[in-house]
Amino acid sequence: MIATISSPCISVCALDHDDVCIGCHRTAREIRDWLLMDDDERLEVIAKAAERGCKNNPFAY
Protein backbone atom coordinates (compact mmCIF):
# COMPACT_ATOMS: atom_id res chain seq x y z
CA MET A 1 0.00 0.00 0.00
CA ILE A 2 1.30 3.44 -0.95
CA ALA A 3 1.24 6.12 1.75
CA THR A 4 -0.48 9.36 0.77
CA ILE A 5 0.07 11.56 3.83
CA SER A 6 2.67 14.23 3.06
CA SER A 7 5.55 15.06 5.33
CA PRO A 8 4.85 17.79 7.90
CA CYS A 9 8.33 19.23 7.31
CA ILE A 10 8.33 23.04 7.12
CA SER A 11 12.03 23.32 6.18
CA VAL A 12 13.10 24.58 9.59
CA CYS A 13 15.28 21.57 10.27
CA ALA A 14 17.21 21.53 13.53
CA LEU A 15 17.09 19.03 16.36
CA ASP A 16 16.89 20.18 19.96
CA HIS A 17 18.60 18.49 22.91
CA ASP A 18 15.87 15.78 22.93
CA ASP A 19 16.38 14.97 19.21
CA VAL A 20 13.08 16.66 18.30
CA CYS A 21 12.95 18.93 15.26
CA ILE A 22 12.17 22.52 16.20
CA GLY A 23 10.25 22.94 12.93
CA CYS A 24 7.92 19.96 12.60
CA HIS A 25 8.28 18.56 16.15
CA ARG A 26 9.02 15.03 14.95
CA THR A 27 11.77 13.00 16.57
CA ALA A 28 14.87 12.13 14.58
CA ARG A 29 13.64 8.54 14.39
CA GLU A 30 10.20 9.60 13.11
CA ILE A 31 11.85 11.74 10.42
CA ARG A 32 14.15 8.90 9.42
CA ASP A 33 11.36 6.31 9.25
CA TRP A 34 8.77 8.55 7.53
CA LEU A 35 9.17 7.00 4.07
CA LEU A 36 8.71 3.50 5.51
CA MET A 37 5.44 4.33 7.33
CA ASP A 38 1.92 3.70 6.12
CA ASP A 39 -0.76 6.40 6.42
CA ASP A 40 -1.99 5.23 9.83
CA GLU A 41 1.53 5.41 11.26
CA ARG A 42 2.05 8.83 9.68
CA LEU A 43 -1.17 10.15 11.22
CA GLU A 44 0.01 8.91 14.63
CA VAL A 45 3.33 10.71 14.19
CA ILE A 46 1.57 13.91 13.14
CA ALA A 47 -0.66 13.75 16.24
CA LYS A 48 2.31 13.15 18.55
CA ALA A 49 4.26 15.96 16.87
CA ALA A 50 1.32 18.33 17.34
CA GLU A 51 1.24 17.47 21.06
CA ARG A 52 4.97 18.11 21.32
CA GLY A 53 4.58 21.39 19.48
CA CYS A 54 1.89 22.61 21.88
CA LYS A 55 3.87 21.49 24.90
CA ASN A 56 7.05 23.20 23.72
CA ASN A 57 5.40 26.40 22.47
CA PRO A 58 5.33 29.12 25.13
CA PHE A 59 2.54 30.89 23.20
CA ALA A 60 0.19 27.87 23.05
CA TYR A 61 -2.82 27.93 25.33
PDB file of N, CA and C in Angstrom:
ATOM      1  N   MET A   1       0.829  -1.183   0.000  1.00  0.00           N
ATOM      2  CA  MET A   1       0.000   0.000   0.000  1.00  0.00           C
ATOM      3  C   MET A   1       0.877   1.251   0.000  1.00  0.00           C
ATOM      4  N   ILE A   2       0.532   2.210  -0.828  1.00  0.00           N
ATOM      5  CA  ILE A   2       1.304   3.445  -0.946  1.00  0.00           C
ATOM      6  C   ILE A   2       0.753   4.478   0.032  1.00  0.00           C
ATOM      7  N   ALA A   3       1.643   5.081   0.799  1.00  0.00           N
ATOM      8  CA  ALA A   3       1.242   6.115   1.749  1.00  0.00           C
ATOM      9  C   ALA A   3       0.938   7.410   0.993  1.00  0.00           C
ATOM     10  N   THR A   4      -0.079   8.126   1.440  1.00  0.00           N
ATOM     11  CA  THR A   4      -0.481   9.358   0.765  1.00  0.00           C
ATOM     12  C   THR A   4      -0.397  10.593   1.650  1.00  0.00           C
ATOM     13  N   ILE A   5      -0.053  10.430   2.908  1.00  0.00           N
ATOM     14  CA  ILE A   5       0.070  11.563   3.828  1.00  0.00           C
ATOM     15  C   ILE A   5       1.434  12.216   3.608  1.00  0.00           C
ATOM     16  N   SER A   6       1.425  13.502   3.312  1.00  0.00           N
ATOM     17  CA  SER A   6       2.669  14.226   3.057  1.00  0.00           C
ATOM     18  C   SER A   6       3.426  14.519   4.345  1.00  0.00           C
ATOM     19  N   SER A   7       4.703  14.725   4.203  1.00  0.00           N
ATOM     20  CA  SER A   7       5.554  15.056   5.333  1.00  0.00           C
ATOM     21  C   SER A   7       5.147  16.406   5.923  1.00  0.00           C
ATOM     22  N   PRO A   8       5.163  16.514   7.262  1.00  0.00           N
ATOM     23  CA  PRO A   8       4.846  17.792   7.898  1.00  0.00           C
ATOM     24  C   PRO A   8       6.048  18.745   7.963  1.00  0.00           C
ATOM     25  N   CYS A   9       7.125  18.402   7.301  1.00  0.00           N
ATOM     26  CA  CYS A   9       8.328  19.232   7.314  1.00  0.00           C
ATOM     27  C   CYS A   9       8.009  20.639   6.815  1.00  0.00           C
ATOM     28  N   ILE A  10       8.521  21.655   7.542  1.00  0.00           N
ATOM     29  CA  ILE A  10       8.333  23.043   7.125  1.00  0.00           C
ATOM     30  C   ILE A  10       9.678  23.690   6.777  1.00  0.00           C
ATOM     31  N   SER A  11      10.691  22.874   6.572  1.00  0.00           N
ATOM     32  CA  SER A  11      12.032  23.318   6.177  1.00  0.00           C
ATOM     33  C   SER A  11      12.707  24.212   7.210  1.00  0.00           C
ATOM     34  N   VAL A  12      12.396  23.968   8.474  1.00  0.00           N
ATOM     35  CA  VAL A  12      13.104  24.576   9.593  1.00  0.00           C
ATOM     36  C   VAL A  12      13.691  23.392  10.349  1.00  0.00           C
ATOM     37  N   CYS A  13      14.768  22.869   9.820  1.00  0.00           N
ATOM     38  CA  CYS A  13      15.283  21.574  10.270  1.00  0.00           C
ATOM     39  C   CYS A  13      16.460  21.725  11.227  1.00  0.00           C
ATOM     40  N   ALA A  14      16.179  21.523  12.492  1.00  0.00           N
ATOM     41  CA  ALA A  14      17.210  21.531  13.525  1.00  0.00           C
ATOM     42  C   ALA A  14      16.678  20.733  14.700  1.00  0.00           C
ATOM     43  N   LEU A  15      17.503  19.850  15.225  1.00  0.00           N
ATOM     44  CA  LEU A  15      17.094  19.029  16.355  1.00  0.00           C
ATOM     45  C   LEU A  15      17.488  19.696  17.660  1.00  0.00           C
ATOM     46  N   ASP A  16      16.576  19.638  18.637  1.00  0.00           N
ATOM     47  CA  ASP A  16      16.887  20.178  19.957  1.00  0.00           C
ATOM     48  C   ASP A  16      17.638  19.134  20.777  1.00  0.00           C
ATOM     49  N   HIS A  17      17.831  19.395  22.056  1.00  0.00           N
ATOM     50  CA  HIS A  17      18.600  18.490  22.913  1.00  0.00           C
ATOM     51  C   HIS A  17      17.907  17.144  23.137  1.00  0.00           C
ATOM     52  N   ASP A  18      16.612  17.051  22.814  1.00  0.00           N
ATOM     53  CA  ASP A  18      15.874  15.785  22.935  1.00  0.00           C
ATOM     54  C   ASP A  18      15.726  15.073  21.590  1.00  0.00           C
ATOM     55  N   ASP A  19      16.469  15.512  20.569  1.00  0.00           N
ATOM     56  CA  ASP A  19      16.379  14.972  19.209  1.00  0.00           C
ATOM     57  C   ASP A  19      14.993  15.161  18.597  1.00  0.00           C
ATOM     58  N   VAL A  20      14.377  16.297  18.884  1.00  0.00           N
ATOM     59  CA  VAL A  20      13.084  16.662  18.296  1.00  0.00           C
ATOM     60  C   VAL A  20      13.314  17.880  17.413  1.00  0.00           C
ATOM     61  N   CYS A  21      12.798  17.823  16.199  1.00  0.00           N
ATOM     62  CA  CYS A  21      12.951  18.928  15.257  1.00  0.00           C
ATOM     63  C   CYS A  21      12.189  20.153  15.759  1.00  0.00           C
ATOM     64  N   ILE A  22      12.830  21.302  15.728  1.00  0.00           N
ATOM     65  CA  ILE A  22      12.168  22.521  16.196  1.00  0.00           C
ATOM     66  C   ILE A  22      11.160  23.039  15.170  1.00  0.00           C
ATOM     67  N   GLY A  23      11.198  22.519  13.957  1.00  0.00           N
ATOM     68  CA  GLY A  23      10.253  22.945  12.926  1.00  0.00           C
ATOM     69  C   GLY A  23       8.979  22.131  12.907  1.00  0.00           C
ATOM     70  N   CYS A  24       9.110  20.822  12.746  1.00  0.00           N
ATOM     71  CA  CYS A  24       7.920  19.963  12.601  1.00  0.00           C
ATOM     72  C   CYS A  24       7.594  19.171  13.863  1.00  0.00           C
ATOM     73  N   HIS A  25       8.473  19.205  14.844  1.00  0.00           N
ATOM     74  CA  HIS A  25       8.279  18.556  16.149  1.00  0.00           C
ATOM     75  C   HIS A  25       8.283  17.027  16.082  1.00  0.00           C
ATOM     76  N   ARG A  26       8.844  16.477  15.012  1.00  0.00           N
ATOM     77  CA  ARG A  26       9.020  15.028  14.949  1.00  0.00           C
ATOM     78  C   ARG A  26      10.376  14.677  15.539  1.00  0.00           C
ATOM     79  N   THR A  27      10.485  13.459  16.067  1.00  0.00           N
ATOM     80  CA  THR A  27      11.774  12.999  16.568  1.00  0.00           C
ATOM     81  C   THR A  27      12.658  12.632  15.375  1.00  0.00           C
ATOM     82  N   ALA A  28      13.942  12.524  15.640  1.00  0.00           N
ATOM     83  CA  ALA A  28      14.874  12.128  14.582  1.00  0.00           C
ATOM     84  C   ALA A  28      14.476  10.768  14.002  1.00  0.00           C
ATOM     85  N   ARG A  29      14.059   9.871  14.857  1.00  0.00           N
ATOM     86  CA  ARG A  29      13.639   8.536  14.392  1.00  0.00           C
ATOM     87  C   ARG A  29      12.395   8.619  13.509  1.00  0.00           C
ATOM     88  N   GLU A  30      11.422   9.450  13.911  1.00  0.00           N
ATOM     89  CA  GLU A  30      10.202   9.602  13.112  1.00  0.00           C
ATOM     90  C   GLU A  30      10.520  10.194  11.741  1.00  0.00           C
ATOM     91  N   ILE A  31      11.441  11.150  11.698  1.00  0.00           N
ATOM     92  CA  ILE A  31      11.854  11.738  10.424  1.00  0.00           C
ATOM     93  C   ILE A  31      12.524  10.682   9.558  1.00  0.00           C
ATOM     94  N   ARG A  32      13.424   9.936  10.155  1.00  0.00           N
ATOM     95  CA  ARG A  32      14.153   8.904   9.422  1.00  0.00           C
ATOM     96  C   ARG A  32      13.225   7.843   8.852  1.00  0.00           C
ATOM     97  N   ASP A  33      12.234   7.419   9.647  1.00  0.00           N
ATOM     98  CA  ASP A  33      11.361   6.310   9.250  1.00  0.00           C
ATOM     99  C   ASP A  33      10.146   6.737   8.427  1.00  0.00           C
ATOM    100  N   TRP A  34       9.968   8.037   8.189  1.00  0.00           N
ATOM    101  CA  TRP A  34       8.765   8.555   7.530  1.00  0.00           C
ATOM    102  C   TRP A  34       8.445   7.825   6.223  1.00  0.00           C
ATOM    103  N   LEU A  35       9.425   7.625   5.376  1.00  0.00           N
ATOM    104  CA  LEU A  35       9.173   6.995   4.069  1.00  0.00           C
ATOM    105  C   LEU A  35       8.768   5.531   4.179  1.00  0.00           C
ATOM    106  N   LEU A  36       9.046   4.903   5.315  1.00  0.00           N
ATOM    107  CA  LEU A  36       8.709   3.497   5.514  1.00  0.00           C
ATOM    108  C   LEU A  36       7.333   3.310   6.156  1.00  0.00           C
ATOM    109  N   MET A  37       6.720   4.398   6.607  1.00  0.00           N
ATOM    110  CA  MET A  37       5.445   4.326   7.331  1.00  0.00           C
ATOM    111  C   MET A  37       4.257   4.284   6.382  1.00  0.00           C
ATOM    112  N   ASP A  38       3.185   3.625   6.857  1.00  0.00           N
ATOM    113  CA  ASP A  38       1.919   3.700   6.119  1.00  0.00           C
ATOM    114  C   ASP A  38       1.150   4.915   6.640  1.00  0.00           C
ATOM    115  N   ASP A  39       0.001   5.200   6.050  1.00  0.00           N
ATOM    116  CA  ASP A  39      -0.756   6.399   6.420  1.00  0.00           C
ATOM    117  C   ASP A  39      -1.187   6.407   7.881  1.00  0.00           C
ATOM    118  N   ASP A  40      -1.586   5.278   8.422  1.00  0.00           N
ATOM    119  CA  ASP A  40      -1.990   5.227   9.827  1.00  0.00           C
ATOM    120  C   ASP A  40      -0.834   5.609  10.742  1.00  0.00           C
ATOM    121  N   GLU A  41       0.344   5.085  10.457  1.00  0.00           N
ATOM    122  CA  GLU A  41       1.526   5.411  11.257  1.00  0.00           C
ATOM    123  C   GLU A  41       1.867   6.890  11.119  1.00  0.00           C
ATOM    124  N   ARG A  42       1.752   7.413   9.908  1.00  0.00           N
ATOM    125  CA  ARG A  42       2.050   8.828   9.681  1.00  0.00           C
ATOM    126  C   ARG A  42       1.081   9.723  10.447  1.00  0.00           C
ATOM    127  N   LEU A  43      -0.187   9.357  10.474  1.00  0.00           N
ATOM    128  CA  LEU A  43      -1.166  10.150  11.221  1.00  0.00           C
ATOM    129  C   LEU A  43      -0.861  10.132  12.713  1.00  0.00           C
ATOM    130  N   GLU A  44      -0.393   8.995  13.226  1.00  0.00           N
ATOM    131  CA  GLU A  44       0.010   8.913  14.633  1.00  0.00           C
ATOM    132  C   GLU A  44       1.182   9.843  14.912  1.00  0.00           C
ATOM    133  N   VAL A  45       2.157   9.851  14.027  1.00  0.00           N
ATOM    134  CA  VAL A  45       3.331  10.707  14.192  1.00  0.00           C
ATOM    135  C   VAL A  45       2.909  12.172  14.168  1.00  0.00           C
ATOM    136  N   ILE A  46       2.030  12.533  13.233  1.00  0.00           N
ATOM    137  CA  ILE A  46       1.568  13.913  13.140  1.00  0.00           C
ATOM    138  C   ILE A  46       0.854  14.327  14.424  1.00  0.00           C
ATOM    139  N   ALA A  47       0.039  13.444  14.984  1.00  0.00           N
ATOM    140  CA  ALA A  47      -0.661  13.751  16.238  1.00  0.00           C
ATOM    141  C   ALA A  47       0.325  13.931  17.384  1.00  0.00           C
ATOM    142  N   LYS A  48       1.301  13.044  17.485  1.00  0.00           N
ATOM    143  CA  LYS A  48       2.309  13.154  18.548  1.00  0.00           C
ATOM    144  C   LYS A  48       3.130  14.430  18.379  1.00  0.00           C
ATOM    145  N   ALA A  49       3.480  14.749  17.139  1.00  0.00           N
ATOM    146  CA  ALA A  49       4.259  15.961  16.874  1.00  0.00           C
ATOM    147  C   ALA A  49       3.458  17.205  17.252  1.00  0.00           C
ATOM    148  N   ALA A  50       2.172  17.189  16.977  1.00  0.00           N
ATOM    149  CA  ALA A  50       1.321  18.329  17.342  1.00  0.00           C
ATOM    150  C   ALA A  50       1.289  18.506  18.859  1.00  0.00           C
ATOM    151  N   GLU A  51       1.203  17.402  19.591  1.00  0.00           N
ATOM    152  CA  GLU A  51       1.235  17.471  21.060  1.00  0.00           C
ATOM    153  C   GLU A  51       2.554  18.054  21.540  1.00  0.00           C
ATOM    154  N   ARG A  52       3.647  17.589  20.943  1.00  0.00           N
ATOM    155  CA  ARG A  52       4.970  18.114  21.322  1.00  0.00           C
ATOM    156  C   ARG A  52       5.046  19.601  21.018  1.00  0.00           C
ATOM    157  N   GLY A  53       4.541  19.988  19.874  1.00  0.00           N
ATOM    158  CA  GLY A  53       4.583  21.388  19.483  1.00  0.00           C
ATOM    159  C   GLY A  53       3.832  22.272  20.464  1.00  0.00           C
ATOM    160  N   CYS A  54       2.664  21.835  20.898  1.00  0.00           N
ATOM    161  CA  CYS A  54       1.887  22.613  21.880  1.00  0.00           C
ATOM    162  C   CYS A  54       2.596  22.674  23.218  1.00  0.00           C
ATOM    163  N   LYS A  55       3.176  21.564  23.611  1.00  0.00           N
ATOM    164  CA  LYS A  55       3.868  21.490  24.904  1.00  0.00           C
ATOM    165  C   LYS A  55       5.103  22.392  24.916  1.00  0.00           C
ATOM    166  N   ASN A  56       5.801  22.452  23.789  1.00  0.00           N
ATOM    167  CA  ASN A  56       7.048  23.198  23.720  1.00  0.00           C
ATOM    168  C   ASN A  56       6.874  24.646  23.282  1.00  0.00           C
ATOM    169  N   ASN A  57       5.646  25.046  22.956  1.00  0.00           N
ATOM    170  CA  ASN A  57       5.398  26.404  22.474  1.00  0.00           C
ATOM    171  C   ASN A  57       4.939  27.274  23.638  1.00  0.00           C
ATOM    172  N   PRO A  58       5.712  28.275  24.001  1.00  0.00           N
ATOM    173  CA  PRO A  58       5.333  29.123  25.131  1.00  0.00           C
ATOM    174  C   PRO A  58       4.100  29.980  24.837  1.00  0.00           C
ATOM    175  N   PHE A  59       3.683  30.080  23.579  1.00  0.00           N
ATOM    176  CA  PHE A  59       2.540  30.894  23.203  1.00  0.00           C
ATOM    177  C   PHE A  59       1.266  30.065  23.033  1.00  0.00           C
ATOM    178  N   ALA A  60       1.368  28.740  23.168  1.00  0.00           N
ATOM    179  CA  ALA A  60       0.189  27.871  23.051  1.00  0.00           C
ATOM    180  C   ALA A  60      -0.647  27.981  24.322  1.00  0.00           C
ATOM    181  N   TYR A  61      -1.932  27.873  24.159  1.00  0.00           N
ATOM    182  CA  TYR A  61      -2.823  27.935  25.333  1.00  0.00           C
ATOM    183  C   TYR A  61      -3.835  26.845  25.292  1.00  0.00           C
TER     184      TYR A  61
END
